[in-house]
Structure formats: C-alpha cells, structure tokens
Amino acid sequence: MDSLKVRIKRRLETYLELDIDGFRKFIIDILLRLKKVTVDQLYNELNRKFKVSFSAVASTLGYIHSKLGILHAYKESYKTPIVYSLKEEYEDLVKSALRNSAAKPS
C-alpha cells in the first residue's frame, strides 16, 4: 500500500474511533451503499435514525471530503447540488476500516 493510502487509512480509522453514537459509521456505511449522495439525500437517510440538523450533515460531509480525502465532489452547474461520490480506489480501504471499527469495542 502506498504512503498516501496508508495515511488516508490511518485518518479514517482515527475518525471512526472517535465515533461515540454511531453517526460517523452510519455515514460511511451509507456512502459505501449508495456510492453517490447529495447533502439532501444524506440528511434524509440520517434523519431516520439520528436527530441531526441539515448543517451538521453538510459540515460532516465536507469534513470527510476535505480531510479524509475519500470522496470526489462534482457539481454539474451552479444550480445543481454538489454530488459526493466515494472514490473507487478507496472502496476496499473504507470497507476494511469500517469492519475494523465494528470489531473494536466502543
């Protein structure tokens, strides 16, 4: 594994270790399942299980995009929402980190 993937994996594992209520793991799991999401879609999914604000979802998604580096952001035009998608090269890494975090006691 090259050094960039190692750093990203370490960041992702640390991010998931700090998950107190399962919110972060739930988001990562949704990203794995849906592959592409907008803030609206993610908010609607999260609102079924967690009491969360729209801005909290937007900032969390922005954090995952900018700090973890596992998402690609695409905006077709200035009128359309940003579509976030999981980068294919990190899919296995994300699955592994999610499995490892589930195996560890919280």
C-alpha atoms as a PDB file:
ATOM      1  CA  MET A   1       0.000   0.000   0.000  1.00  0.00           C
ATOM      2  CA  ASP A   2       1.475   3.363  -0.971  1.00  0.00           C
ATOM      3  CA  SER A   3       2.043   6.040   1.640  1.00  0.00           C
ATOM      4  CA  LEU A   4      -0.995   8.129   0.643  1.00  0.00           C
ATOM      5  CA  LYS A   5      -3.356   5.193   1.147  1.00  0.00           C
ATOM      6  CA  VAL A   6      -1.686   4.400   4.469  1.00  0.00           C
ATOM      7  CA  ARG A   7      -2.194   7.993   5.649  1.00  0.00           C
ATOM      8  CA  ILE A   8      -5.806   8.032   4.481  1.00  0.00           C
ATOM      9  CA  LYS A   9      -6.488   4.702   6.187  1.00  0.00           C
ATOM     10  CA  ARG A  10      -4.974   5.996   9.423  1.00  0.00           C
ATOM     11  CA  ARG A  11      -7.078   9.189   9.242  1.00  0.00           C
ATOM     12  CA  LEU A  12     -10.234   7.201   8.543  1.00  0.00           C
ATOM     13  CA  GLU A  13      -9.580   4.774  11.405  1.00  0.00           C
ATOM     14  CA  THR A  14      -8.974   7.663  13.799  1.00  0.00           C
ATOM     15  CA  TYR A  15     -12.143   9.370  12.553  1.00  0.00           C
ATOM     16  CA  LEU A  16     -14.169   6.216  13.196  1.00  0.00           C
ATOM     17  CA  GLU A  17     -12.542   5.579  16.604  1.00  0.00           C
ATOM     18  CA  LEU A  18     -13.866   8.936  17.799  1.00  0.00           C
ATOM     19  CA  ASP A  19     -17.423   7.962  16.853  1.00  0.00           C
ATOM     20  CA  ILE A  20     -19.464   7.999  20.057  1.00  0.00           C
ATOM     21  CA  ASP A  21     -23.024   7.431  18.871  1.00  0.00           C
ATOM     22  CA  GLY A  22     -22.542   5.552  15.590  1.00  0.00           C
ATOM     23  CA  PHE A  23     -23.220   8.661  13.486  1.00  0.00           C
ATOM     24  CA  ARG A  24     -19.898   8.562  11.616  1.00  0.00           C
ATOM     25  CA  LYS A  25     -20.035   4.835  10.916  1.00  0.00           C
ATOM     26  CA  PHE A  26     -23.585   5.220   9.646  1.00  0.00           C
ATOM     27  CA  ILE A  27     -22.485   7.955   7.208  1.00  0.00           C
ATOM     28  CA  ILE A  28     -19.551   5.905   5.919  1.00  0.00           C
ATOM     29  CA  ASP A  29     -21.842   2.901   5.508  1.00  0.00           C
ATOM     30  CA  ILE A  30     -24.335   4.990   3.515  1.00  0.00           C
ATOM     31  CA  LEU A  31     -21.530   6.229   1.281  1.00  0.00           C
ATOM     32  CA  LEU A  32     -20.481   2.637   0.649  1.00  0.00           C
ATOM     33  CA  ARG A  33     -24.015   1.533  -0.174  1.00  0.00           C
ATOM     34  CA  LEU A  34     -25.221   4.469  -2.269  1.00  0.00           C
ATOM     35  CA  LYS A  35     -21.898   5.378  -3.918  1.00  0.00           C
ATOM     36  CA  LYS A  36     -23.204   8.893  -4.772  1.00  0.00           C
ATOM     37  CA  VAL A  37     -25.064  11.264  -2.440  1.00  0.00           C
ATOM     38  CA  THR A  38     -26.066  14.877  -2.085  1.00  0.00           C
ATOM     39  CA  VAL A  39     -26.365  16.609   1.265  1.00  0.00           C
ATOM     40  CA  ASP A  40     -30.176  16.386   0.927  1.00  0.00           C
ATOM     41  CA  GLN A  41     -30.103  12.627   0.351  1.00  0.00           C
ATOM     42  CA  LEU A  42     -27.709  12.035   3.221  1.00  0.00           C
ATOM     43  CA  TYR A  43     -29.755  14.273   5.527  1.00  0.00           C
ATOM     44  CA  ASN A  44     -32.923  12.320   4.721  1.00  0.00           C
ATOM     45  CA  GLU A  45     -31.170   8.995   5.388  1.00  0.00           C
ATOM     46  CA  LEU A  46     -29.625  10.192   8.661  1.00  0.00           C
ATOM     47  CA  ASN A  47     -32.800  11.829   9.898  1.00  0.00           C
ATOM     48  CA  ARG A  48     -34.465   8.406  10.058  1.00  0.00           C
ATOM     49  CA  LYS A  49     -32.052   7.226  12.745  1.00  0.00           C
ATOM     50  CA  PHE A  50     -30.480  10.346  14.301  1.00  0.00           C
ATOM     51  CA  LYS A  51     -31.758  13.736  15.344  1.00  0.00           C
ATOM     52  CA  VAL A  52     -29.404  15.888  13.295  1.00  0.00           C
ATOM     53  CA  SER A  53     -29.505  19.287  11.605  1.00  0.00           C
ATOM     54  CA  PHE A  54     -29.022  19.855   7.896  1.00  0.00           C
ATOM     55  CA  SER A  55     -25.955  21.996   8.539  1.00  0.00           C
ATOM     56  CA  ALA A  56     -24.377  19.258  10.685  1.00  0.00           C
ATOM     57  CA  VAL A  57     -24.792  16.795   7.825  1.00  0.00           C
ATOM     58  CA  ALA A  58     -23.351  19.281   5.328  1.00  0.00           C
ATOM     59  CA  SER A  59     -20.345  20.041   7.520  1.00  0.00           C
ATOM     60  CA  THR A  60     -19.705  16.356   8.229  1.00  0.00           C
ATOM     61  CA  LEU A  61     -19.791  15.531   4.532  1.00  0.00           C
ATOM     62  CA  GLY A  62     -17.493  18.484   3.828  1.00  0.00           C
ATOM     63  CA  TYR A  63     -15.091  17.288   6.508  1.00  0.00           C
ATOM     64  CA  ILE A  64     -14.995  13.772   5.073  1.00  0.00           C
ATOM     65  CA  HIS A  65     -14.368  15.225   1.617  1.00  0.00           C
ATOM     66  CA  SER A  66     -11.660  17.684   2.593  1.00  0.00           C
ATOM     67  CA  LYS A  67      -9.835  15.987   5.467  1.00  0.00           C
ATOM     68  CA  LEU A  68     -10.180  12.269   4.792  1.00  0.00           C
ATOM     69  CA  GLY A  69      -9.844  12.503   1.015  1.00  0.00           C
ATOM     70  CA  ILE A  70     -12.064   9.532   0.180  1.00  0.00           C
ATOM     71  CA  LEU A  71     -14.764  11.471  -1.672  1.00  0.00           C
ATOM     72  CA  HIS A  72     -14.992  13.118  -5.051  1.00  0.00           C
ATOM     73  CA  ALA A  73     -17.218  16.200  -5.311  1.00  0.00           C
ATOM     74  CA  TYR A  74     -18.937  17.104  -8.563  1.00  0.00           C
ATOM     75  CA  LYS A  75     -21.263  19.975  -9.426  1.00  0.00           C
ATOM     76  CA  GLU A  76     -22.858  19.911 -12.873  1.00  0.00           C
ATOM     77  CA  SER A  77     -23.880  23.580 -12.836  1.00  0.00           C
ATOM     78  CA  TYR A  78     -24.239  26.366 -10.346  1.00  0.00           C
ATOM     79  CA  LYS A  79     -27.953  25.492  -9.993  1.00  0.00           C
ATOM     80  CA  THR A  80     -27.458  21.840  -9.070  1.00  0.00           C
ATOM     81  CA  PRO A  81     -26.342  20.458  -5.695  1.00  0.00           C
ATOM     82  CA  ILE A  82     -22.895  19.021  -5.201  1.00  0.00           C
ATOM     83  CA  VAL A  83     -22.827  15.250  -5.679  1.00  0.00           C
ATOM     84  CA  TYR A  84     -20.327  13.442  -3.466  1.00  0.00           C
ATOM     85  CA  SER A  85     -19.117  10.021  -4.517  1.00  0.00           C
ATOM     86  CA  LEU A  86     -16.792   7.539  -2.904  1.00  0.00           C
ATOM     87  CA  LYS A  87     -13.539   7.249  -4.843  1.00  0.00           C
ATOM     88  CA  GLU A  88     -13.298   3.722  -6.241  1.00  0.00           C
ATOM     89  CA  GLU A  89      -9.649   3.299  -5.284  1.00  0.00           C
ATOM     90  CA  TYR A  90     -10.581   3.717  -1.593  1.00  0.00           C
ATOM     91  CA  GLU A  91     -13.652   1.475  -1.514  1.00  0.00           C
ATOM     92  CA  ASP A  92     -11.819  -1.583  -0.133  1.00  0.00           C
ATOM     93  CA  LEU A  93      -9.887   0.575   2.320  1.00  0.00           C
ATOM     94  CA  VAL A  94     -13.151   2.080   3.626  1.00  0.00           C
ATOM     95  CA  LYS A  95     -14.774  -1.349   3.949  1.00  0.00           C
ATOM     96  CA  SER A  96     -11.764  -2.609   5.887  1.00  0.00           C
ATOM     97  CA  ALA A  97     -11.729   0.403   8.234  1.00  0.00           C
ATOM     98  CA  LEU A  98     -15.454   0.031   8.846  1.00  0.00           C
ATOM     99  CA  ARG A  99     -15.074  -3.679   9.638  1.00  0.00           C
ATOM    100  CA  ASN A 100     -12.152  -2.984  11.971  1.00  0.00           C
ATOM    101  CA  SER A 101     -14.082  -0.277  13.822  1.00  0.00           C
ATOM    102  CA  ALA A 102     -17.076  -2.594  14.231  1.00  0.00           C
ATOM    103  CA  ALA A 103     -14.833  -5.304  15.676  1.00  0.00           C
ATOM    104  CA  LYS A 104     -13.386  -2.970  18.321  1.00  0.00           C
ATOM    105  CA  PRO A 105     -15.446  -2.407  21.461  1.00  0.00           C
ATOM    106  CA  SER A 106     -16.673   1.194  21.803  1.00  0.00           C
END
